[in-house]
Amino acid sequence: MKKKYVAGGGNEMYNLNWSRSDLTRQKLRTFCEYYAKMSLASYGVSIYTSEVDDHGIDFIAESKRGFLKFQVKAIRKGTGYVFMREEYFDISDQSLYLFLLLLNDGEHPIEYLIPATTWDNDSSNIFVYHSYKGKKSKPEYGLNISAKNIPQLERFKLENMITAI
């Protein structure tokens, strides 16, 4: 059974109230990047970081497959849309992964490890591409995450994917 967060109600390891107003996007981004690194490190993956976000790559890791690149994204309240700019997210790069965290108040993050190549090989409605041809926005790859299509992500849960990397 999952332990629920109750404000002021216990000795939680850290605050699980993801929707609180003082948790800015920058703070959340920093937390999620550290969380992703620590999760992978707990499986014995070596982590390499830089002080600068270089072209959409948040960190590099070394596993039995060699060097892998990660972009980290998070969604609060379990549903929504995340995107990666096409210029920084090469879906033909077999070493590139999206590390996605779903954040529901009172729960630990749900972690997904999604190969960039999925956008080229998956026909479901969860993995999308927007070219924005003739528009001001730049082309992007995205994830439409809703209660209806979250089950399609099950195969990408970290514990299911860790042996593949």
C-alpha atoms as a PDB file:
ATOM      1  CA  MET A   1       0.000   0.000   0.000  1.00  0.00           C
ATOM      2  CA  LYS A   2       1.306   3.428  -0.929  1.00  0.00           C
ATOM      3  CA  LYS A   3       1.949   5.889   1.858  1.00  0.00           C
ATOM      4  CA  LYS A   4      -0.040   9.079   1.340  1.00  0.00           C
ATOM      5  CA  TYR A   5       1.327  12.516   2.108  1.00  0.00           C
ATOM      6  CA  VAL A   6      -0.372  14.312   4.974  1.00  0.00           C
ATOM      7  CA  ALA A   7       0.826  17.859   5.615  1.00  0.00           C
ATOM      8  CA  GLY A   8       2.666  17.907   8.917  1.00  0.00           C
ATOM      9  CA  GLY A   9       1.603  14.350   9.536  1.00  0.00           C
ATOM     10  CA  GLY A  10       4.777  12.335   9.719  1.00  0.00           C
ATOM     11  CA  ASN A  11       8.411  11.798   8.962  1.00  0.00           C
ATOM     12  CA  GLU A  12       8.303  11.713   5.185  1.00  0.00           C
ATOM     13  CA  MET A  13      11.638  11.390   3.395  1.00  0.00           C
ATOM     14  CA  TYR A  14      10.750  14.526   1.432  1.00  0.00           C
ATOM     15  CA  ASN A  15       7.715  16.587   0.621  1.00  0.00           C
ATOM     16  CA  LEU A  16       5.305  14.752  -1.698  1.00  0.00           C
ATOM     17  CA  ASN A  17       3.038  17.741  -2.236  1.00  0.00           C
ATOM     18  CA  TRP A  18       3.943  18.370  -5.887  1.00  0.00           C
ATOM     19  CA  SER A  19       1.275  21.011  -6.461  1.00  0.00           C
ATOM     20  CA  ARG A  20       2.434  23.416  -3.763  1.00  0.00           C
ATOM     21  CA  SER A  21       2.982  26.975  -4.969  1.00  0.00           C
ATOM     22  CA  ASP A  22       6.585  27.314  -3.755  1.00  0.00           C
ATOM     23  CA  LEU A  23       7.671  24.403  -5.972  1.00  0.00           C
ATOM     24  CA  THR A  24       8.456  26.464  -9.066  1.00  0.00           C
ATOM     25  CA  ARG A  25       9.099  24.931 -12.486  1.00  0.00           C
ATOM     26  CA  GLN A  26      12.852  25.450 -12.032  1.00  0.00           C
ATOM     27  CA  LYS A  27      12.872  23.787  -8.595  1.00  0.00           C
ATOM     28  CA  LEU A  28      10.771  20.917  -9.922  1.00  0.00           C
ATOM     29  CA  ARG A  29      13.078  20.502 -12.948  1.00  0.00           C
ATOM     30  CA  THR A  30      16.124  20.377 -10.675  1.00  0.00           C
ATOM     31  CA  PHE A  31      14.494  17.863  -8.321  1.00  0.00           C
ATOM     32  CA  CYS A  32      13.397  15.618 -11.197  1.00  0.00           C
ATOM     33  CA  GLU A  33      16.833  15.602 -12.802  1.00  0.00           C
ATOM     34  CA  TYR A  34      18.440  14.580  -9.492  1.00  0.00           C
ATOM     35  CA  TYR A  35      15.729  11.999  -8.881  1.00  0.00           C
ATOM     36  CA  ALA A  36      16.260  10.444 -12.321  1.00  0.00           C
ATOM     37  CA  LYS A  37      20.030  10.294 -11.793  1.00  0.00           C
ATOM     38  CA  MET A  38      19.678   8.705  -8.360  1.00  0.00           C
ATOM     39  CA  SER A  39      17.154   6.151  -9.624  1.00  0.00           C
ATOM     40  CA  LEU A  40      19.473   5.019 -12.410  1.00  0.00           C
ATOM     41  CA  ALA A  41      22.486   5.042 -10.065  1.00  0.00           C
ATOM     42  CA  SER A  42      20.576   2.753  -7.689  1.00  0.00           C
ATOM     43  CA  TYR A  43      20.605   0.152 -10.499  1.00  0.00           C
ATOM     44  CA  GLY A  44      24.372   0.485 -10.913  1.00  0.00           C
ATOM     45  CA  VAL A  45      24.315   2.861 -13.882  1.00  0.00           C
ATOM     46  CA  SER A  46      27.179   5.402 -13.871  1.00  0.00           C
ATOM     47  CA  ILE A  47      26.000   9.001 -14.145  1.00  0.00           C
ATOM     48  CA  TYR A  48      27.857  11.912 -15.744  1.00  0.00           C
ATOM     49  CA  THR A  49      26.608  15.456 -15.391  1.00  0.00           C
ATOM     50  CA  SER A  50      27.585  18.836 -16.718  1.00  0.00           C
ATOM     51  CA  GLU A  51      26.877  22.274 -15.359  1.00  0.00           C
ATOM     52  CA  VAL A  52      25.264  23.330 -18.629  1.00  0.00           C
ATOM     53  CA  ASP A  53      22.193  21.817 -20.303  1.00  0.00           C
ATOM     54  CA  ASP A  54      23.785  20.986 -23.644  1.00  0.00           C
ATOM     55  CA  HIS A  55      21.240  20.900 -26.456  1.00  0.00           C
ATOM     56  CA  GLY A  56      18.406  19.321 -24.499  1.00  0.00           C
ATOM     57  CA  ILE A  57      20.500  16.567 -22.915  1.00  0.00           C
ATOM     58  CA  ASP A  58      20.095  16.726 -19.140  1.00  0.00           C
ATOM     59  CA  PHE A  59      22.703  14.067 -18.335  1.00  0.00           C
ATOM     60  CA  ILE A  60      24.664  11.155 -19.743  1.00  0.00           C
ATOM     61  CA  ALA A  61      24.930   7.708 -18.217  1.00  0.00           C
ATOM     62  CA  GLU A  62      27.028   4.643 -18.874  1.00  0.00           C
ATOM     63  CA  SER A  63      25.419   1.241 -18.747  1.00  0.00           C
ATOM     64  CA  LYS A  64      26.203  -2.191 -20.145  1.00  0.00           C
ATOM     65  CA  ARG A  65      25.003  -0.840 -23.545  1.00  0.00           C
ATOM     66  CA  GLY A  66      27.494   2.009 -23.446  1.00  0.00           C
ATOM     67  CA  PHE A  67      26.827   5.724 -23.135  1.00  0.00           C
ATOM     68  CA  LEU A  68      23.215   6.879 -23.071  1.00  0.00           C
ATOM     69  CA  LYS A  69      21.715  10.377 -23.194  1.00  0.00           C
ATOM     70  CA  PHE A  70      18.714  11.456 -21.147  1.00  0.00           C
ATOM     71  CA  GLN A  71      16.215  14.261 -21.307  1.00  0.00           C
ATOM     72  CA  VAL A  72      14.098  14.560 -18.148  1.00  0.00           C
ATOM     73  CA  LYS A  73      10.485  15.755 -18.111  1.00  0.00           C
ATOM     74  CA  ALA A  74       7.779  15.748 -15.447  1.00  0.00           C
ATOM     75  CA  ILE A  75       4.028  16.094 -15.297  1.00  0.00           C
ATOM     76  CA  ARG A  76       2.188  17.105 -12.150  1.00  0.00           C
ATOM     77  CA  LYS A  77      -1.212  15.592 -11.351  1.00  0.00           C
ATOM     78  CA  GLY A  78      -0.563  12.615 -13.594  1.00  0.00           C
ATOM     79  CA  THR A  79      -2.017  13.937 -16.856  1.00  0.00           C
ATOM     80  CA  GLY A  80      -1.021  16.528 -19.401  1.00  0.00           C
ATOM     81  CA  TYR A  81       1.370  17.101 -22.263  1.00  0.00           C
ATOM     82  CA  VAL A  82       5.161  17.180 -22.381  1.00  0.00           C
ATOM     83  CA  PHE A  83       7.243  17.950 -25.430  1.00  0.00           C
ATOM     84  CA  MET A  84      10.790  17.917 -26.687  1.00  0.00           C
ATOM     85  CA  ARG A  85      11.926  20.247 -29.459  1.00  0.00           C
ATOM     86  CA  GLU A  86      12.732  18.310 -32.630  1.00  0.00           C
ATOM     87  CA  GLU A  87      16.082  20.089 -32.957  1.00  0.00           C
ATOM     88  CA  TYR A  88      17.200  18.592 -29.613  1.00  0.00           C
ATOM     89  CA  PHE A  89      15.414  15.234 -29.675  1.00  0.00           C
ATOM     90  CA  ASP A  90      16.665  13.034 -32.497  1.00  0.00           C
ATOM     91  CA  ILE A  91      14.246  10.098 -32.744  1.00  0.00           C
ATOM     92  CA  SER A  92      16.755   8.109 -34.790  1.00  0.00           C
ATOM     93  CA  ASP A  93      19.306   8.216 -31.934  1.00  0.00           C
ATOM     94  CA  GLN A  94      19.244   4.792 -30.260  1.00  0.00           C
ATOM     95  CA  SER A  95      21.187   6.130 -27.272  1.00  0.00           C
ATOM     96  CA  LEU A  96      18.659   8.873 -26.437  1.00  0.00           C
ATOM     97  CA  TYR A  97      15.919   8.413 -23.818  1.00  0.00           C
ATOM     98  CA  LEU A  98      13.159  10.444 -22.258  1.00  0.00           C
ATOM     99  CA  PHE A  99      13.085   9.956 -18.486  1.00  0.00           C
ATOM    100  CA  LEU A 100       9.509  10.875 -17.572  1.00  0.00           C
ATOM    101  CA  LEU A 101       8.223  11.369 -14.037  1.00  0.00           C
ATOM    102  CA  LEU A 102       4.502  11.484 -13.238  1.00  0.00           C
ATOM    103  CA  LEU A 103       3.911  13.394 -10.022  1.00  0.00           C
ATOM    104  CA  ASN A 104       0.703  12.860  -8.079  1.00  0.00           C
ATOM    105  CA  ASP A 105       0.323  14.566  -4.704  1.00  0.00           C
ATOM    106  CA  GLY A 106       0.976  12.185  -1.842  1.00  0.00           C
ATOM    107  CA  GLU A 107       2.827   9.645  -3.990  1.00  0.00           C
ATOM    108  CA  HIS A 108       6.406   9.011  -4.978  1.00  0.00           C
ATOM    109  CA  PRO A 109       7.154   9.776  -8.641  1.00  0.00           C
ATOM    110  CA  ILE A 110       6.202   7.148 -11.207  1.00  0.00           C
ATOM    111  CA  GLU A 111       9.210   6.743 -13.480  1.00  0.00           C
ATOM    112  CA  TYR A 112       9.256   5.912 -17.178  1.00  0.00           C
ATOM    113  CA  LEU A 113      12.216   5.368 -19.472  1.00  0.00           C
ATOM    114  CA  ILE A 114      11.166   5.901 -23.089  1.00  0.00           C
ATOM    115  CA  PRO A 115      13.568   5.426 -26.012  1.00  0.00           C
ATOM    116  CA  ALA A 116      13.514   8.348 -28.460  1.00  0.00           C
ATOM    117  CA  THR A 117      13.055   5.812 -31.265  1.00  0.00           C
ATOM    118  CA  THR A 118       9.557   5.104 -29.912  1.00  0.00           C
ATOM    119  CA  TRP A 119       8.244   8.201 -31.716  1.00  0.00           C
ATOM    120  CA  ASP A 120       9.348   6.649 -35.006  1.00  0.00           C
ATOM    121  CA  ASN A 121       8.017   3.150 -34.259  1.00  0.00           C
ATOM    122  CA  ASP A 122       4.784   3.600 -32.302  1.00  0.00           C
ATOM    123  CA  SER A 123       1.430   4.339 -33.893  1.00  0.00           C
ATOM    124  CA  SER A 124      -0.548   4.986 -30.703  1.00  0.00           C
ATOM    125  CA  ASN A 125      -2.060   8.387 -30.017  1.00  0.00           C
ATOM    126  CA  ILE A 126       0.124   8.994 -26.972  1.00  0.00           C
ATOM    127  CA  PHE A 127       3.345   9.619 -28.960  1.00  0.00           C
ATOM    128  CA  VAL A 128       2.825  12.629 -31.225  1.00  0.00           C
ATOM    129  CA  TYR A 129       4.699  14.907 -33.579  1.00  0.00           C
ATOM    130  CA  HIS A 130       3.730  18.503 -34.298  1.00  0.00           C
ATOM    131  CA  SER A 131       5.478  20.086 -37.280  1.00  0.00           C
ATOM    132  CA  TYR A 132       3.822  23.492 -36.844  1.00  0.00           C
ATOM    133  CA  LYS A 133       4.530  24.056 -40.528  1.00  0.00           C
ATOM    134  CA  GLY A 134       3.980  27.712 -41.363  1.00  0.00           C
ATOM    135  CA  LYS A 135       3.564  28.581 -37.665  1.00  0.00           C
ATOM    136  CA  LYS A 136       5.716  30.458 -35.173  1.00  0.00           C
ATOM    137  CA  SER A 137       6.370  27.423 -32.929  1.00  0.00           C
ATOM    138  CA  LYS A 138       9.235  25.057 -33.642  1.00  0.00           C
ATOM    139  CA  PRO A 139       8.564  21.367 -34.470  1.00  0.00           C
ATOM    140  CA  GLU A 140       8.271  19.067 -31.443  1.00  0.00           C
ATOM    141  CA  TYR A 141       7.733  15.499 -30.300  1.00  0.00           C
ATOM    142  CA  GLY A 142       5.258  15.110 -27.485  1.00  0.00           C
ATOM    143  CA  LEU A 143       3.415  12.809 -25.147  1.00  0.00           C
ATOM    144  CA  ASN A 144      -0.349  13.125 -24.616  1.00  0.00           C
ATOM    145  CA  ILE A 145      -0.806  11.701 -21.157  1.00  0.00           C
ATOM    146  CA  SER A 146      -4.349  11.070 -19.982  1.00  0.00           C
ATOM    147  CA  ALA A 147      -6.000   8.593 -17.645  1.00  0.00           C
ATOM    148  CA  LYS A 148      -7.159   6.693 -20.731  1.00  0.00           C
ATOM    149  CA  ASN A 149      -3.732   6.203 -22.282  1.00  0.00           C
ATOM    150  CA  ILE A 150      -1.477   5.865 -19.210  1.00  0.00           C
ATOM    151  CA  PRO A 151      -1.748   2.042 -19.472  1.00  0.00           C
ATOM    152  CA  GLN A 152       0.111   2.335 -22.813  1.00  0.00           C
ATOM    153  CA  LEU A 153       3.123   3.570 -20.836  1.00  0.00           C
ATOM    154  CA  GLU A 154       3.293   0.494 -18.585  1.00  0.00           C
ATOM    155  CA  ARG A 155       5.931  -1.192 -20.749  1.00  0.00           C
ATOM    156  CA  PHE A 156       8.169   1.867 -20.272  1.00  0.00           C
ATOM    157  CA  LYS A 157       8.149   1.869 -16.462  1.00  0.00           C
ATOM    158  CA  LEU A 158      11.710   2.094 -15.192  1.00  0.00           C
ATOM    159  CA  GLU A 159      11.613  -1.337 -13.563  1.00  0.00           C
ATOM    160  CA  ASN A 160      10.506  -2.850 -16.898  1.00  0.00           C
ATOM    161  CA  MET A 161      13.130  -0.994 -18.959  1.00  0.00           C
ATOM    162  CA  ILE A 162      16.223  -1.097 -16.754  1.00  0.00           C
ATOM    163  CA  THR A 163      17.430  -4.443 -18.137  1.00  0.00           C
ATOM    164  CA  ALA A 164      17.259  -3.062 -21.689  1.00  0.00           C
ATOM    165  CA  ILE A 165      19.759  -0.333 -20.962  1.00  0.00           C
END
